[in-house]
PDB file of N, CA and C in Angstrom:
ATOM      1  N   MET A   1       9.514 -26.712  -9.453  1.00  0.00           N
ATOM      2  CA  MET A   1       8.495 -25.774  -9.865  1.00  0.00           C
ATOM      3  C   MET A   1       8.525 -24.519  -8.982  1.00  0.00           C
ATOM      4  N   ALA A   2       8.792 -24.704  -7.706  1.00  0.00           N
ATOM      5  CA  ALA A   2       8.839 -23.559  -6.797  1.00  0.00           C
ATOM      6  C   ALA A   2       9.978 -22.620  -7.160  1.00  0.00           C
ATOM      7  N   THR A   3      11.107 -23.149  -7.578  1.00  0.00           N
ATOM      8  CA  THR A   3      12.223 -22.278  -7.949  1.00  0.00           C
ATOM      9  C   THR A   3      11.915 -21.509  -9.221  1.00  0.00           C
ATOM     10  N   ARG A   4      11.194 -22.095 -10.154  1.00  0.00           N
ATOM     11  CA  ARG A   4      10.807 -21.369 -11.372  1.00  0.00           C
ATOM     12  C   ARG A   4       9.852 -20.233 -11.041  1.00  0.00           C
ATOM     13  N   TYR A   5       8.930 -20.469 -10.121  1.00  0.00           N
ATOM     14  CA  TYR A   5       7.990 -19.438  -9.711  1.00  0.00           C
ATOM     15  C   TYR A   5       8.710 -18.292  -9.011  1.00  0.00           C
ATOM     16  N   ASN A   6       9.642 -18.595  -8.136  1.00  0.00           N
ATOM     17  CA  ASN A   6      10.362 -17.572  -7.385  1.00  0.00           C
ATOM     18  C   ASN A   6      11.213 -16.693  -8.282  1.00  0.00           C
ATOM     19  N   LYS A   7      11.707 -17.215  -9.395  1.00  0.00           N
ATOM     20  CA  LYS A   7      12.519 -16.413 -10.304  1.00  0.00           C
ATOM     21  C   LYS A   7      11.682 -15.376 -11.036  1.00  0.00           C
ATOM     22  N   ARG A   8      10.431 -15.683 -11.302  1.00  0.00           N
ATOM     23  CA  ARG A   8       9.565 -14.759 -12.029  1.00  0.00           C
ATOM     24  C   ARG A   8       8.823 -13.795 -11.118  1.00  0.00           C
ATOM     25  N   PHE A   9       8.696 -14.100  -9.869  1.00  0.00           N
ATOM     26  CA  PHE A   9       7.893 -13.314  -8.948  1.00  0.00           C
ATOM     27  C   PHE A   9       8.800 -12.505  -8.032  1.00  0.00           C
ATOM     28  N   VAL A  10       8.625 -11.187  -8.044  1.00  0.00           N
ATOM     29  CA  VAL A  10       9.431 -10.308  -7.205  1.00  0.00           C
ATOM     30  C   VAL A  10       8.509  -9.653  -6.178  1.00  0.00           C
ATOM     31  N   ILE A  11       8.839  -9.794  -4.915  1.00  0.00           N
ATOM     32  CA  ILE A  11       8.061  -9.167  -3.853  1.00  0.00           C
ATOM     33  C   ILE A  11       8.639  -7.784  -3.593  1.00  0.00           C
ATOM     34  N   GLU A  12       7.817  -6.772  -3.766  1.00  0.00           N
ATOM     35  CA  GLU A  12       8.271  -5.401  -3.555  1.00  0.00           C
ATOM     36  C   GLU A  12       8.228  -5.079  -2.067  1.00  0.00           C
ATOM     37  N   THR A  13       9.265  -4.431  -1.584  1.00  0.00           N
ATOM     38  CA  THR A  13       9.312  -4.015  -0.191  1.00  0.00           C
ATOM     39  C   THR A  13       9.241  -2.496  -0.130  1.00  0.00           C
ATOM     40  N   PHE A  14       8.680  -2.007   0.960  1.00  0.00           N
ATOM     41  CA  PHE A  14       8.503  -0.577   1.148  1.00  0.00           C
ATOM     42  C   PHE A  14       9.216  -0.147   2.417  1.00  0.00           C
ATOM     43  N   GLU A  15       9.846   1.008   2.372  1.00  0.00           N
ATOM     44  CA  GLU A  15      10.516   1.567   3.543  1.00  0.00           C
ATOM     45  C   GLU A  15       9.507   2.398   4.338  1.00  0.00           C
ATOM     46  N   THR A  16       9.878   2.744   5.550  1.00  0.00           N
ATOM     47  CA  THR A  16       9.056   3.604   6.387  1.00  0.00           C
ATOM     48  C   THR A  16       8.912   4.968   5.715  1.00  0.00           C
ATOM     49  N   ASN A  17       7.742   5.562   5.823  1.00  0.00           N
ATOM     50  CA  ASN A  17       7.378   6.876   5.264  1.00  0.00           C
ATOM     51  C   ASN A  17       7.224   6.867   3.752  1.00  0.00           C
ATOM     52  N   THR A  18       7.162   5.710   3.115  1.00  0.00           N
ATOM     53  CA  THR A  18       6.891   5.635   1.683  1.00  0.00           C
ATOM     54  C   THR A  18       5.403   5.840   1.459  1.00  0.00           C
ATOM     55  N   VAL A  19       5.046   6.624   0.456  1.00  0.00           N
ATOM     56  CA  VAL A  19       3.641   6.848   0.129  1.00  0.00           C
ATOM     57  C   VAL A  19       3.213   5.771  -0.862  1.00  0.00           C
ATOM     58  N   VAL A  20       2.112   5.088  -0.531  1.00  0.00           N
ATOM     59  CA  VAL A  20       1.589   4.004  -1.357  1.00  0.00           C
ATOM     60  C   VAL A  20       0.104   4.249  -1.612  1.00  0.00           C
ATOM     61  N   SER A  21      -0.433   3.538  -2.584  1.00  0.00           N
ATOM     62  CA  SER A  21      -1.869   3.591  -2.825  1.00  0.00           C
ATOM     63  C   SER A  21      -2.446   2.200  -2.638  1.00  0.00           C
ATOM     64  N   LEU A  22      -3.669   2.155  -2.150  1.00  0.00           N
ATOM     65  CA  LEU A  22      -4.369   0.923  -1.844  1.00  0.00           C
ATOM     66  C   LEU A  22      -5.693   0.945  -2.585  1.00  0.00           C
ATOM     67  N   GLN A  23      -5.982  -0.102  -3.348  1.00  0.00           N
ATOM     68  CA  GLN A  23      -7.226  -0.143  -4.116  1.00  0.00           C
ATOM     69  C   GLN A  23      -8.393  -0.449  -3.189  1.00  0.00           C
ATOM     70  N   ILE A  24      -9.481   0.314  -3.333  1.00  0.00           N
ATOM     71  CA  ILE A  24     -10.687   0.102  -2.547  1.00  0.00           C
ATOM     72  C   ILE A  24     -11.638  -0.739  -3.387  1.00  0.00           C
ATOM     73  N   PRO A  25     -12.126  -1.871  -2.869  1.00  0.00           N
ATOM     74  CA  PRO A  25     -13.054  -2.702  -3.646  1.00  0.00           C
ATOM     75  C   PRO A  25     -14.320  -1.935  -4.015  1.00  0.00           C
ATOM     76  N   SER A  26     -14.892  -2.260  -5.159  1.00  0.00           N
ATOM     77  CA  SER A  26     -16.059  -1.517  -5.645  1.00  0.00           C
ATOM     78  C   SER A  26     -17.270  -1.662  -4.727  1.00  0.00           C
ATOM     79  N   GLU A  27     -17.391  -2.767  -3.996  1.00  0.00           N
ATOM     80  CA  GLU A  27     -18.533  -2.926  -3.095  1.00  0.00           C
ATOM     81  C   GLU A  27     -18.390  -2.091  -1.830  1.00  0.00           C
ATOM     82  N   ASP A  28     -17.203  -1.551  -1.568  1.00  0.00           N
ATOM     83  CA  ASP A  28     -16.978  -0.729  -0.375  1.00  0.00           C
ATOM     84  C   ASP A  28     -16.990   0.769  -0.660  1.00  0.00           C
ATOM     85  N   ARG A  29     -17.250   1.157  -1.887  1.00  0.00           N
ATOM     86  CA  ARG A  29     -17.270   2.585  -2.218  1.00  0.00           C
ATOM     87  C   ARG A  29     -18.447   2.886  -3.138  1.00  0.00           C
ATOM     88  N   SER A  30     -18.823   4.152  -3.182  1.00  0.00           N
ATOM     89  CA  SER A  30     -19.895   4.555  -4.082  1.00  0.00           C
ATOM     90  C   SER A  30     -19.296   4.969  -5.421  1.00  0.00           C
ATOM     91  N   THR A  31     -20.131   5.330  -6.352  1.00  0.00           N
ATOM     92  CA  THR A  31     -19.651   5.686  -7.690  1.00  0.00           C
ATOM     93  C   THR A  31     -18.884   7.002  -7.699  1.00  0.00           C
ATOM     94  N   LEU A  32     -19.080   7.847  -6.706  1.00  0.00           N
ATOM     95  CA  LEU A  32     -18.405   9.133  -6.664  1.00  0.00           C
ATOM     96  C   LEU A  32     -17.111   9.108  -5.861  1.00  0.00           C
ATOM     97  N   ASP A  33     -16.840   8.020  -5.151  1.00  0.00           N
ATOM     98  CA  ASP A  33     -15.621   7.908  -4.343  1.00  0.00           C
ATOM     99  C   ASP A  33     -14.423   7.565  -5.211  1.00  0.00           C
ATOM    100  N   TYR A  34     -13.246   7.906  -4.718  1.00  0.00           N
ATOM    101  CA  TYR A  34     -12.014   7.572  -5.426  1.00  0.00           C
ATOM    102  C   TYR A  34     -11.762   6.061  -5.361  1.00  0.00           C
ATOM    103  N   PRO A  35     -11.235   5.469  -6.423  1.00  0.00           N
ATOM    104  CA  PRO A  35     -10.971   4.021  -6.401  1.00  0.00           C
ATOM    105  C   PRO A  35      -9.730   3.642  -5.597  1.00  0.00           C
ATOM    106  N   ARG A  36      -8.895   4.611  -5.243  1.00  0.00           N
ATOM    107  CA  ARG A  36      -7.657   4.323  -4.501  1.00  0.00           C
ATOM    108  C   ARG A  36      -7.579   5.212  -3.271  1.00  0.00           C
ATOM    109  N   LEU A  37      -6.950   4.661  -2.245  1.00  0.00           N
ATOM    110  CA  LEU A  37      -6.716   5.375  -1.001  1.00  0.00           C
ATOM    111  C   LEU A  37      -5.211   5.543  -0.849  1.00  0.00           C
ATOM    112  N   TYR A  38      -4.764   6.760  -0.620  1.00  0.00           N
ATOM    113  CA  TYR A  38      -3.337   7.020  -0.464  1.00  0.00           C
ATOM    114  C   TYR A  38      -2.981   6.953   1.011  1.00  0.00           C
ATOM    115  N   ALA A  39      -1.861   6.304   1.295  1.00  0.00           N
ATOM    116  CA  ALA A  39      -1.443   6.108   2.685  1.00  0.00           C
ATOM    117  C   ALA A  39       0.070   6.163   2.771  1.00  0.00           C
ATOM    118  N   GLN A  40       0.546   6.259   3.986  1.00  0.00           N
ATOM    119  CA  GLN A  40       1.973   6.292   4.270  1.00  0.00           C
ATOM    120  C   GLN A  40       2.324   5.074   5.113  1.00  0.00           C
ATOM    121  N   VAL A  41       3.415   4.407   4.781  1.00  0.00           N
ATOM    122  CA  VAL A  41       3.845   3.219   5.517  1.00  0.00           C
ATOM    123  C   VAL A  41       4.417   3.650   6.860  1.00  0.00           C
ATOM    124  N   LEU A  42       3.868   3.088   7.940  1.00  0.00           N
ATOM    125  CA  LEU A  42       4.368   3.391   9.284  1.00  0.00           C
ATOM    126  C   LEU A  42       5.436   2.400   9.709  1.00  0.00           C
ATOM    127  N   VAL A  43       5.113   1.115   9.614  1.00  0.00           N
ATOM    128  CA  VAL A  43       6.020   0.078  10.102  1.00  0.00           C
ATOM    129  C   VAL A  43       5.688  -1.243   9.405  1.00  0.00           C
ATOM    130  N   GLN A  44       6.653  -2.148   9.405  1.00  0.00           N
ATOM    131  CA  GLN A  44       6.461  -3.489   8.867  1.00  0.00           C
ATOM    132  C   GLN A  44       6.615  -4.487  10.017  1.00  0.00           C
ATOM    133  N   PRO A  45       5.521  -4.793  10.759  1.00  0.00           N
ATOM    134  CA  PRO A  45       5.638  -5.678  11.911  1.00  0.00           C
ATOM    135  C   PRO A  45       5.893  -7.135  11.541  1.00  0.00           C
ATOM    136  N   HIS A  46       5.424  -7.573  10.370  1.00  0.00           N
ATOM    137  CA  HIS A  46       5.632  -8.934   9.891  1.00  0.00           C
ATOM    138  C   HIS A  46       6.179  -8.859   8.472  1.00  0.00           C
ATOM    139  N   HIS A  47       6.851  -9.913   8.045  1.00  0.00           N
ATOM    140  CA  HIS A  47       7.435  -9.939   6.704  1.00  0.00           C
ATOM    141  C   HIS A  47       6.329  -9.813   5.649  1.00  0.00           C
ATOM    142  N   GLY A  48       6.411  -8.782   4.815  1.00  0.00           N
ATOM    143  CA  GLY A  48       5.453  -8.586   3.743  1.00  0.00           C
ATOM    144  C   GLY A  48       4.142  -7.961   4.151  1.00  0.00           C
ATOM    145  N   ARG A  49       3.989  -7.548   5.402  1.00  0.00           N
ATOM    146  CA  ARG A  49       2.757  -6.918   5.891  1.00  0.00           C
ATOM    147  C   ARG A  49       3.094  -5.553   6.467  1.00  0.00           C
ATOM    148  N   TYR A  50       2.241  -4.557   6.165  1.00  0.00           N
ATOM    149  CA  TYR A  50       2.543  -3.174   6.540  1.00  0.00           C
ATOM    150  C   TYR A  50       1.376  -2.538   7.275  1.00  0.00           C
ATOM    151  N   ARG A  51       1.694  -1.680   8.239  1.00  0.00           N
ATOM    152  CA  ARG A  51       0.704  -0.844   8.911  1.00  0.00           C
ATOM    153  C   ARG A  51       0.718   0.502   8.212  1.00  0.00           C
ATOM    154  N   LEU A  52      -0.467   0.998   7.851  1.00  0.00           N
ATOM    155  CA  LEU A  52      -0.589   2.206   7.046  1.00  0.00           C
ATOM    156  C   LEU A  52      -1.311   3.309   7.799  1.00  0.00           C
ATOM    157  N   GLN A  53      -0.949   4.546   7.463  1.00  0.00           N
ATOM    158  CA  GLN A  53      -1.615   5.721   8.016  1.00  0.00           C
ATOM    159  C   GLN A  53      -2.146   6.552   6.871  1.00  0.00           C
ATOM    160  N   THR A  54      -3.427   6.930   6.950  1.00  0.00           N
ATOM    161  CA  THR A  54      -4.036   7.815   5.974  1.00  0.00           C
ATOM    162  C   THR A  54      -4.236   9.176   6.617  1.00  0.00           C
ATOM    163  N   GLU A  55      -4.840  10.084   5.881  1.00  0.00           N
ATOM    164  CA  GLU A  55      -5.111  11.402   6.449  1.00  0.00           C
ATOM    165  C   GLU A  55      -6.175  11.336   7.543  1.00  0.00           C
ATOM    166  N   HIS A  56      -6.927  10.230   7.591  1.00  0.00           N
ATOM    167  CA  HIS A  56      -7.976  10.074   8.589  1.00  0.00           C
ATOM    168  C   HIS A  56      -7.528   9.283   9.806  1.00  0.00           C
ATOM    169  N   GLY A  57      -6.333   8.718   9.768  1.00  0.00           N
ATOM    170  CA  GLY A  57      -5.817   7.970  10.913  1.00  0.00           C
ATOM    171  C   GLY A  57      -5.138   6.677  10.487  1.00  0.00           C
ATOM    172  N   VAL A  58      -4.738   5.898  11.473  1.00  0.00           N
ATOM    173  CA  VAL A  58      -4.041   4.638  11.223  1.00  0.00           C
ATOM    174  C   VAL A  58      -5.082   3.557  10.915  1.00  0.00           C
ATOM    175  N   LEU A  59      -4.848   2.779   9.862  1.00  0.00           N
ATOM    176  CA  LEU A  59      -5.760   1.701   9.499  1.00  0.00           C
ATOM    177  C   LEU A  59      -5.617   0.550  10.488  1.00  0.00           C
ATOM    178  N   ASP A  60      -6.721  -0.148  10.756  1.00  0.00           N
ATOM    179  CA  ASP A  60      -6.752  -1.118  11.850  1.00  0.00           C
ATOM    180  C   ASP A  60      -6.215  -2.501  11.513  1.00  0.00           C
ATOM    181  N   ARG A  61      -5.817  -2.759  10.281  1.00  0.00           N
ATOM    182  CA  ARG A  61      -5.251  -4.061   9.961  1.00  0.00           C
ATOM    183  C   ARG A  61      -3.982  -3.905   9.150  1.00  0.00           C
ATOM    184  N   LEU A  62      -3.249  -5.002   8.976  1.00  0.00           N
ATOM    185  CA  LEU A  62      -2.018  -4.989   8.202  1.00  0.00           C
ATOM    186  C   LEU A  62      -2.337  -5.334   6.752  1.00  0.00           C
ATOM    187  N   TYR A  63      -1.637  -4.701   5.831  1.00  0.00           N
ATOM    188  CA  TYR A  63      -1.883  -4.911   4.407  1.00  0.00           C
ATOM    189  C   TYR A  63      -0.666  -5.555   3.755  1.00  0.00           C
ATOM    190  N   PRO A  64      -0.884  -6.582   2.929  1.00  0.00           N
ATOM    191  CA  PRO A  64       0.240  -7.251   2.266  1.00  0.00           C
ATOM    192  C   PRO A  64       0.813  -6.387   1.155  1.00  0.00           C
ATOM    193  N   SER A  65       2.060  -6.630   0.819  1.00  0.00           N
ATOM    194  CA  SER A  65       2.727  -5.822  -0.200  1.00  0.00           C
ATOM    195  C   SER A  65       2.104  -6.005  -1.575  1.00  0.00           C
ATOM    196  N   GLY A  66       1.417  -7.106  -1.820  1.00  0.00           N
ATOM    197  CA  GLY A  66       0.760  -7.323  -3.104  1.00  0.00           C
ATOM    198  C   GLY A  66      -0.418  -6.396  -3.341  1.00  0.00           C
ATOM    199  N   ASP A  67      -1.019  -5.874  -2.280  1.00  0.00           N
ATOM    200  CA  ASP A  67      -2.160  -4.965  -2.396  1.00  0.00           C
ATOM    201  C   ASP A  67      -1.744  -3.507  -2.529  1.00  0.00           C
ATOM    202  N   LEU A  68      -0.468  -3.212  -2.376  1.00  0.00           N
ATOM    203  CA  LEU A  68       0.008  -1.833  -2.363  1.00  0.00           C
ATOM    204  C   LEU A  68       0.743  -1.502  -3.655  1.00  0.00           C
ATOM    205  N   ASN A  69       0.592  -0.265  -4.094  1.00  0.00           N
ATOM    206  CA  ASN A  69       1.325   0.252  -5.250  1.00  0.00           C
ATOM    207  C   ASN A  69       2.131   1.462  -4.815  1.00  0.00           C
ATOM    208  N   ARG A  70       3.382   1.489  -5.226  1.00  0.00           N
ATOM    209  CA  ARG A  70       4.247   2.616  -4.890  1.00  0.00           C
ATOM    210  C   ARG A  70       3.795   3.853  -5.680  1.00  0.00           C
ATOM    211  N   VAL A  71       3.747   4.989  -4.998  1.00  0.00           N
ATOM    212  CA  VAL A  71       3.393   6.260  -5.628  1.00  0.00           C
ATOM    213  C   VAL A  71       4.695   6.971  -5.983  1.00  0.00           C
ATOM    214  N   PRO A  72       4.800   7.528  -7.204  1.00  0.00           N
ATOM    215  CA  PRO A  72       6.036   8.243  -7.559  1.00  0.00           C
ATOM    216  C   PRO A  72       6.340   9.366  -6.572  1.00  0.00           C
ATOM    217  N   ALA A  73       7.611   9.645  -6.397  1.00  0.00           N
ATOM    218  CA  ALA A  73       8.056  10.621  -5.393  1.00  0.00           C
ATOM    219  C   ALA A  73       7.454  12.007  -5.620  1.00  0.00           C
ATOM    220  N   VAL A  74       7.279  12.408  -6.854  1.00  0.00           N
ATOM    221  CA  VAL A  74       6.747  13.743  -7.147  1.00  0.00           C
ATOM    222  C   VAL A  74       5.311  13.860  -6.657  1.00  0.00           C
ATOM    223  N   ILE A  75       4.515  12.844  -6.875  1.00  0.00           N
ATOM    224  CA  ILE A  75       3.124  12.866  -6.424  1.00  0.00           C
ATOM    225  C   ILE A  75       3.081  12.656  -4.915  1.00  0.00           C
ATOM    226  N   GLY A  76       3.940  11.783  -4.396  1.00  0.00           N
ATOM    227  CA  GLY A  76       3.951  11.468  -2.979  1.00  0.00           C
ATOM    228  C   GLY A  76       4.261  12.663  -2.105  1.00  0.00           C
ATOM    229  N   MET A  77       5.096  13.585  -2.582  1.00  0.00           N
ATOM    230  CA  MET A  77       5.439  14.756  -1.777  1.00  0.00           C
ATOM    231  C   MET A  77       4.222  15.629  -1.517  1.00  0.00           C
ATOM    232  N   SER A  78       3.285  15.678  -2.461  1.00  0.00           N
ATOM    233  CA  SER A  78       2.093  16.508  -2.254  1.00  0.00           C
ATOM    234  C   SER A  78       1.036  15.799  -1.418  1.00  0.00           C
ATOM    235  N   LEU A  79       1.177  14.471  -1.213  1.00  0.00           N
ATOM    236  CA  LEU A  79       0.184  13.710  -0.453  1.00  0.00           C
ATOM    237  C   LEU A  79       0.561  13.532   1.004  1.00  0.00           C
ATOM    238  N   ILE A  80       1.775  13.866   1.392  1.00  0.00           N
ATOM    239  CA  ILE A  80       2.186  13.686   2.784  1.00  0.00           C
ATOM    240  C   ILE A  80       1.467  14.713   3.637  1.00  0.00           C
ATOM    241  N   TYR A  81       0.929  14.268   4.746  1.00  0.00           N
ATOM    242  CA  TYR A  81       0.075  15.129   5.572  1.00  0.00           C
ATOM    243  C   TYR A  81       0.872  15.832   6.621  1.00  0.00           C
TER     244      TYR A  81
END
């Protein structure tokens, strides 16, 4: 069963300086806030976990690759700080 699951599930990896978006839970934001936070990958200290930097600074915890979405290169170029 584990081999069948692994064939269907692909873990996306991100390189350093890749721009990604992170979904903000609805209980942590108001109705006027953006639902996504854009960040840049700094480093991958553990397998599948990334340290992110936003325009406000480095986030204090590691985020798994399942929570991140890759931003297209055209949009990402305008978001780099």
